[in-house]
C-alpha atoms as a PDB file:
ATOM      1  CA  UNK A   1      91.730  63.300 150.283  1.00  0.00           C
ATOM      2  CA  UNK A   2      91.695  64.268 146.635  1.00  0.00           C
ATOM      3  CA  UNK A   3      91.709  60.602 145.593  1.00  0.00           C
ATOM      4  CA  UNK A   4      88.638  59.923 147.767  1.00  0.00           C
ATOM      5  CA  UNK A   5      86.861  62.938 146.264  1.00  0.00           C
ATOM      6  CA  UNK A   6      87.534  61.616 142.736  1.00  0.00           C
ATOM      7  CA  UNK A   7      86.370  58.100 143.664  1.00  0.00           C
ATOM      8  CA  UNK A   8      83.215  59.515 145.322  1.00  0.00           C
ATOM      9  CA  UNK A   9      82.516  61.601 142.206  1.00  0.00           C
ATOM     10  CA  UNK A  10      82.617  58.397 140.111  1.00  0.00           C
ATOM     11  CA  UNK A  11      80.140  56.753 142.513  1.00  0.00           C
ATOM     12  CA  UNK A  12      77.963  59.876 142.311  1.00  0.00           C
ATOM     13  CA  UNK A  13      77.755  59.504 138.516  1.00  0.00           C
ATOM     14  CA  UNK A  14      75.878  56.217 139.019  1.00  0.00           C
ATOM     15  CA  UNK A  15      73.250  58.050 141.079  1.00  0.00           C
ATOM     16  CA  UNK A  16      73.036  60.894 138.576  1.00  0.00           C
ATOM     17  CA  UNK A  17      70.916  58.955 136.062  1.00  0.00           C
ATOM     18  CA  UNK A  18      68.377  58.086 138.762  1.00  0.00           C
ATOM     19  CA  UNK A  19      68.339  61.704 139.950  1.00  0.00           C
ATOM     20  CA  UNK A  20      67.767  63.056 136.451  1.00  0.00           C
ATOM     21  CA  UNK A  21      64.822  60.649 136.054  1.00  0.00           C
ATOM     22  CA  UNK A  22      63.598  61.674 139.551  1.00  0.00           C
ATOM     23  CA  UNK A  23      63.913  58.055 140.730  1.00  0.00           C
ATOM     24  CA  UNK A  24      64.723  59.272 144.243  1.00  0.00           C
ATOM     25  CA  UNK A  25      64.444  55.893 145.996  1.00  0.00           C
ATOM     26  CA  UNK A  26      66.860  54.235 143.547  1.00  0.00           C
ATOM     27  CA  UNK A  27      69.363  57.088 143.871  1.00  0.00           C
ATOM     28  CA  UNK A  28      69.766  56.525 147.621  1.00  0.00           C
ATOM     29  CA  UNK A  29      72.055  53.430 147.550  1.00  0.00           C
ATOM     30  CA  UNK A  30      74.676  54.814 145.101  1.00  0.00           C
ATOM     31  CA  UNK A  31      74.691  58.147 146.966  1.00  0.00           C
ATOM     32  CA  UNK A  32      75.290  56.322 150.253  1.00  0.00           C
ATOM     33  CA  UNK A  33      78.144  54.442 148.543  1.00  0.00           C
ATOM     34  CA  UNK A  34      79.721  57.722 147.459  1.00  0.00           C
ATOM     35  CA  UNK A  35      79.536  59.012 151.048  1.00  0.00           C
ATOM     36  CA  UNK A  36      81.129  55.822 152.384  1.00  0.00           C
ATOM     37  CA  UNK A  37      84.137  56.667 150.189  1.00  0.00           C
ATOM     38  CA  UNK A  38      84.146  60.352 151.170  1.00  0.00           C
ATOM     39  CA  UNK A  39      81.715  61.554 153.847  1.00  0.00           C
ATOM     40  CA  UNK A  40      82.208  65.192 152.817  1.00  0.00           C
ATOM     41  CA  UNK A  41      81.354  64.791 149.120  1.00  0.00           C
ATOM     42  CA  UNK A  42      79.088  67.834 148.653  1.00  0.00           C
ATOM     43  CA  UNK A  43      76.955  66.699 145.706  1.00  0.00           C
ATOM     44  CA  UNK A  44      76.283  63.346 147.368  1.00  0.00           C
ATOM     45  CA  UNK A  45      75.278  65.014 150.646  1.00  0.00           C
ATOM     46  CA  UNK A  46      73.010  67.477 148.830  1.00  0.00           C
ATOM     47  CA  UNK A  47      71.239  64.936 146.643  1.00  0.00           C
ATOM     48  CA  UNK A  48      71.010  62.261 149.318  1.00  0.00           C
ATOM     49  CA  UNK A  49      69.282  64.881 151.466  1.00  0.00           C
ATOM     50  CA  UNK A  50      66.929  65.683 148.582  1.00  0.00           C
ATOM     51  CA  UNK A  51      66.272  61.976 147.947  1.00  0.00           C
ATOM     52  CA  UNK A  52      65.414  61.434 151.604  1.00  0.00           C
ATOM     53  CA  UNK A  53      63.135  64.492 151.501  1.00  0.00           C
ATOM     54  CA  UNK A  54      61.332  63.183 148.404  1.00  0.00           C
ATOM     55  CA  UNK A  55      60.868  59.714 149.918  1.00  0.00           C
ATOM     56  CA  UNK A  56      59.533  60.928 153.269  1.00  0.00           C
ATOM     57  CA  UNK A  57      62.684  60.153 155.302  1.00  0.00           C
ATOM     58  CA  UNK A  58      62.752  63.577 156.896  1.00  0.00           C
ATOM     59  CA  UNK A  59      65.028  62.913 159.882  1.00  0.00           C
ATOM     60  CA  UNK A  60      67.686  61.474 157.575  1.00  0.00           C
ATOM     61  CA  UNK A  61      67.244  64.506 155.292  1.00  0.00           C
ATOM     62  CA  UNK A  62      67.901  66.840 158.252  1.00  0.00           C
ATOM     63  CA  UNK A  63      71.135  64.969 159.054  1.00  0.00           C
ATOM     64  CA  UNK A  64      72.438  65.239 155.465  1.00  0.00           C
ATOM     65  CA  UNK A  65      71.471  68.901 154.929  1.00  0.00           C
ATOM     66  CA  UNK A  66      72.995  69.840 158.309  1.00  0.00           C
ATOM     67  CA  UNK A  67      76.235  68.051 157.373  1.00  0.00           C
ATOM     68  CA  UNK A  68      76.251  69.750 153.937  1.00  0.00           C
ATOM     69  CA  UNK A  69      75.932  73.214 155.530  1.00  0.00           C
ATOM     70  CA  UNK A  70      78.706  72.328 157.980  1.00  0.00           C
ATOM     71  CA  UNK A  71      81.003  71.080 155.148  1.00  0.00           C
ATOM     72  CA  UNK A  72      80.344  74.130 152.966  1.00  0.00           C
ATOM     73  CA  UNK A  73      80.731  76.593 155.848  1.00  0.00           C
ATOM     74  CA  UNK A  74      80.761  80.147 154.477  1.00  0.00           C
ATOM     75  CA  UNK A  75      80.031  78.761 150.993  1.00  0.00           C
ATOM     76  CA  UNK A  76      76.637  77.323 152.042  1.00  0.00           C
ATOM     77  CA  UNK A  77      73.882  78.745 149.839  1.00  0.00           C
ATOM     78  CA  UNK A  78      70.368  79.972 150.592  1.00  0.00           C
ATOM     79  CA  UNK A  79      69.081  76.811 148.849  1.00  0.00           C
ATOM     80  CA  UNK A  80      70.993  74.630 151.337  1.00  0.00           C
ATOM     81  CA  UNK A  81      69.268  76.418 154.223  1.00  0.00           C
ATOM     82  CA  UNK A  82      65.897  76.232 152.446  1.00  0.00           C
ATOM     83  CA  UNK A  83      66.242  72.462 151.992  1.00  0.00           C
ATOM     84  CA  UNK A  84      67.015  72.077 155.705  1.00  0.00           C
ATOM     85  CA  UNK A  85      64.025  74.315 156.513  1.00  0.00           C
ATOM     86  CA  UNK A  86      61.736  72.125 154.369  1.00  0.00           C
ATOM     87  CA  UNK A  87      62.904  68.960 156.149  1.00  0.00           C
ATOM     88  CA  UNK A  88      62.335  70.519 159.597  1.00  0.00           C
ATOM     89  CA  UNK A  89      58.882  71.766 158.512  1.00  0.00           C
ATOM     90  CA  UNK A  90      57.944  68.229 157.401  1.00  0.00           C
ATOM     91  CA  UNK A  91      58.926  67.037 160.897  1.00  0.00           C
ATOM     92  CA  UNK A  92      56.732  69.857 162.339  1.00  0.00           C
ATOM     93  CA  UNK A  93      59.819  71.313 164.032  1.00  0.00           C
ATOM     94  CA  UNK A  94      58.675  74.797 163.097  1.00  0.00           C
ATOM     95  CA  UNK A  95      61.107  76.803 165.248  1.00  0.00           C
ATOM     96  CA  UNK A  96      64.093  75.076 163.664  1.00  0.00           C
ATOM     97  CA  UNK A  97      62.484  75.415 160.228  1.00  0.00           C
ATOM     98  CA  UNK A  98      62.006  79.135 160.804  1.00  0.00           C
ATOM     99  CA  UNK A  99      65.648  79.523 161.843  1.00  0.00           C
ATOM    100  CA  UNK A 100      66.733  77.821 158.595  1.00  0.00           C
ATOM    101  CA  UNK A 101      64.593  80.198 156.527  1.00  0.00           C
ATOM    102  CA  UNK A 102      65.994  83.172 158.478  1.00  0.00           C
ATOM    103  CA  UNK A 103      69.498  81.949 157.540  1.00  0.00           C
ATOM    104  CA  UNK A 104      68.370  81.583 153.908  1.00  0.00           C
ATOM    105  CA  UNK A 105      66.917  85.104 153.903  1.00  0.00           C
ATOM    106  CA  UNK A 106      70.190  86.576 155.187  1.00  0.00           C
ATOM    107  CA  UNK A 107      71.831  85.211 152.039  1.00  0.00           C
ATOM    108  CA  UNK A 108      69.000  86.167 149.649  1.00  0.00           C
ATOM    109  CA  UNK A 109      66.932  88.972 151.246  1.00  0.00           C
ATOM    110  CA  UNK A 110      64.548  89.453 148.299  1.00  0.00           C
ATOM    111  CA  UNK A 111      63.972  85.821 147.251  1.00  0.00           C
ATOM    112  CA  UNK A 112      60.188  85.467 146.997  1.00  0.00           C
ATOM    113  CA  UNK A 113      60.027  81.752 147.850  1.00  0.00           C
ATOM    114  CA  UNK A 114      62.131  82.265 150.960  1.00  0.00           C
ATOM    115  CA  UNK A 115      59.993  85.235 152.077  1.00  0.00           C
ATOM    116  CA  UNK A 116      56.756  83.293 151.557  1.00  0.00           C
ATOM    117  CA  UNK A 117      57.990  80.235 153.474  1.00  0.00           C
ATOM    118  CA  UNK A 118      59.417  82.421 156.228  1.00  0.00           C
ATOM    119  CA  UNK A 119      56.017  84.134 156.613  1.00  0.00           C
ATOM    120  CA  UNK A 120      54.378  80.696 156.899  1.00  0.00           C
ATOM    121  CA  UNK A 121      56.908  79.628 159.565  1.00  0.00           C
ATOM    122  CA  UNK A 122      56.413  82.830 161.593  1.00  0.00           C
ATOM    123  CA  UNK A 123      52.719  81.946 161.660  1.00  0.00           C
ATOM    124  CA  UNK A 124      53.452  78.312 162.579  1.00  0.00           C
ATOM    125  CA  UNK A 125      55.284  79.454 165.738  1.00  0.00           C
ATOM    126  CA  UNK A 126      52.474  81.976 166.493  1.00  0.00           C
ATOM    127  CA  UNK A 127      54.674  85.024 165.797  1.00  0.00           C
ATOM    128  CA  UNK A 128      51.782  86.625 163.914  1.00  0.00           C
ATOM    129  CA  UNK A 129      53.177  90.174 163.876  1.00  0.00           C
ATOM    130  CA  UNK A 130      56.302  89.050 162.011  1.00  0.00           C
ATOM    131  CA  UNK A 131      54.172  86.824 159.810  1.00  0.00           C
ATOM    132  CA  UNK A 132      52.108  89.880 158.791  1.00  0.00           C
ATOM    133  CA  UNK A 133      55.248  91.951 158.103  1.00  0.00           C
ATOM    134  CA  UNK A 134      56.799  89.209 155.967  1.00  0.00           C
ATOM    135  CA  UNK A 135      53.615  88.537 153.988  1.00  0.00           C
ATOM    136  CA  UNK A 136      53.438  92.288 153.313  1.00  0.00           C
ATOM    137  CA  UNK A 137      56.954  92.097 151.866  1.00  0.00           C
ATOM    138  CA  UNK A 138      55.739  89.292 149.592  1.00  0.00           C
ATOM    139  CA  UNK A 139      52.690  91.347 148.492  1.00  0.00           C
ATOM    140  CA  UNK A 140      54.862  94.407 147.802  1.00  0.00           C
ATOM    141  CA  UNK A 141      57.666  92.640 145.932  1.00  0.00           C
ATOM    142  CA  UNK A 142      56.431  89.324 144.508  1.00  0.00           C
ATOM    143  CA  UNK A 143      53.644  89.731 141.947  1.00  0.00           C
ATOM    144  CA  UNK A 144      53.655  86.017 141.093  1.00  0.00           C
ATOM    145  CA  UNK A 145      52.822  85.113 144.726  1.00  0.00           C
ATOM    146  CA  UNK A 146      50.410  87.951 145.478  1.00  0.00           C
ATOM    147  CA  UNK A 147      47.165  85.999 144.996  1.00  0.00           C
ATOM    148  CA  UNK A 148      48.531  83.086 147.069  1.00  0.00           C
ATOM    149  CA  UNK A 149      49.805  85.369 149.848  1.00  0.00           C
ATOM    150  CA  UNK A 150      46.804  87.721 150.221  1.00  0.00           C
ATOM    151  CA  UNK A 151      44.408  85.272 151.945  1.00  0.00           C
ATOM    152  CA  UNK A 152      47.235  84.085 154.219  1.00  0.00           C
ATOM    153  CA  UNK A 153      48.118  87.697 155.049  1.00  0.00           C
ATOM    154  CA  UNK A 154      44.491  88.429 155.946  1.00  0.00           C
ATOM    155  CA  UNK A 155      44.411  85.383 158.234  1.00  0.00           C
ATOM    156  CA  UNK A 156      47.711  86.404 159.869  1.00  0.00           C
ATOM    157  CA  UNK A 157      46.231  89.876 160.559  1.00  0.00           C
ATOM    158  CA  UNK A 158      43.198  88.236 162.172  1.00  0.00           C
ATOM    159  CA  UNK A 159      45.401  86.006 164.355  1.00  0.00           C
ATOM    160  CA  UNK A 160      47.640  88.966 165.286  1.00  0.00           C
ATOM    161  CA  UNK A 161      44.527  90.970 166.320  1.00  0.00           C
ATOM    162  CA  UNK A 162      43.321  88.082 168.520  1.00  0.00           C
ATOM    163  CA  UNK A 163      46.731  87.726 170.157  1.00  0.00           C
ATOM    164  CA  UNK A 164      47.057  91.476 170.830  1.00  0.00           C
ATOM    165  CA  UNK A 165      43.512  91.574 172.266  1.00  0.00           C
ATOM    166  CA  UNK A 166      44.318  88.706 174.676  1.00  0.00           C
ATOM    167  CA  UNK A 167      47.408  90.619 175.814  1.00  0.00           C
ATOM    168  CA  UNK A 168      45.272  93.726 176.439  1.00  0.00           C
ATOM    169  CA  UNK A 169      46.819  95.750 173.586  1.00  0.00           C
ATOM    170  CA  UNK A 170      43.507  97.172 172.349  1.00  0.00           C
ATOM    171  CA  UNK A 171      44.924  99.835 169.999  1.00  0.00           C
ATOM    172  CA  UNK A 172      47.262  97.345 168.341  1.00  0.00           C
ATOM    173  CA  UNK A 173      44.419  94.802 168.008  1.00  0.00           C
ATOM    174  CA  UNK A 174      42.271  97.429 166.283  1.00  0.00           C
ATOM    175  CA  UNK A 175      45.086  98.217 163.863  1.00  0.00           C
ATOM    176  CA  UNK A 176      45.385  94.523 162.890  1.00  0.00           C
ATOM    177  CA  UNK A 177      41.579  94.296 162.593  1.00  0.00           C
ATOM    178  CA  UNK A 178      41.656  97.214 160.170  1.00  0.00           C
ATOM    179  CA  UNK A 179      44.394  95.575 158.102  1.00  0.00           C
ATOM    180  CA  UNK A 180      42.473  92.294 158.137  1.00  0.00           C
ATOM    181  CA  UNK A 181      39.397  94.022 156.639  1.00  0.00           C
ATOM    182  CA  UNK A 182      41.556  95.685 153.989  1.00  0.00           C
ATOM    183  CA  UNK A 183      43.463  92.571 152.936  1.00  0.00           C
ATOM    184  CA  UNK A 184      40.491  90.222 153.164  1.00  0.00           C
ATOM    185  CA  UNK A 185      38.533  92.593 150.920  1.00  0.00           C
ATOM    186  CA  UNK A 186      41.380  92.512 148.380  1.00  0.00           C
ATOM    187  CA  UNK A 187      41.581  88.716 148.576  1.00  0.00           C
ATOM    188  CA  UNK A 188      37.834  88.355 148.018  1.00  0.00           C
ATOM    189  CA  UNK A 189      36.285  84.901 147.793  1.00  0.00           C
ATOM    190  CA  UNK A 190      35.922  82.927 150.990  1.00  0.00           C
ATOM    191  CA  UNK A 191      37.637  85.559 153.142  1.00  0.00           C
ATOM    192  CA  UNK A 192      35.435  88.348 151.796  1.00  0.00           C
ATOM    193  CA  UNK A 193      32.427  86.143 152.577  1.00  0.00           C
ATOM    194  CA  UNK A 194      33.734  85.527 156.109  1.00  0.00           C
ATOM    195  CA  UNK A 195      33.874  89.287 156.781  1.00  0.00           C
ATOM    196  CA  UNK A 196      30.239  89.578 155.704  1.00  0.00           C
ATOM    197  CA  UNK A 197      29.281  86.693 158.034  1.00  0.00           C
ATOM    198  CA  UNK A 198      31.240  88.253 160.929  1.00  0.00           C
ATOM    199  CA  UNK A 199      29.540  91.570 160.414  1.00  0.00           C
END
């Protein structure tokens, strides 16, 4: 009810000071109190999820972020899905994490952080071809992440080549090998050295 929402908002204000000071552990109790008054109080769900995430309580974070997305419905934001993806990734539930980042990307197709994390998750579930494609999007559109993404892109190309070779797709494996050489050369450093060693 409206009265419960107002009461929960008052309880949330107590947590706000802890949140602003990044005292995540101390914010948990007042946020739980707010949710006892109104279990659909959006700010309390969001920040309790974040507090659990910051204090290593990842399963609890998943529960709160899932509930927040359910409560918000069509109004759920890409950040809500990203938070859920982070919690799943911390639990090493990479398929579920990837699905959360896919949902986030639908809402914000060009967000560089989402693209980068989605590329990482594709790799985590051994979908190396999609990992390569997504890292390439990052390289093409996100200058601030280019140096971070290049070595990962080179590695994804290498893994994609190995996977294609095992499946007997020789031409495709060669194509990924070629891209690996190109990207690893651009990345330089340890990857460039590894190409020299391989050769």
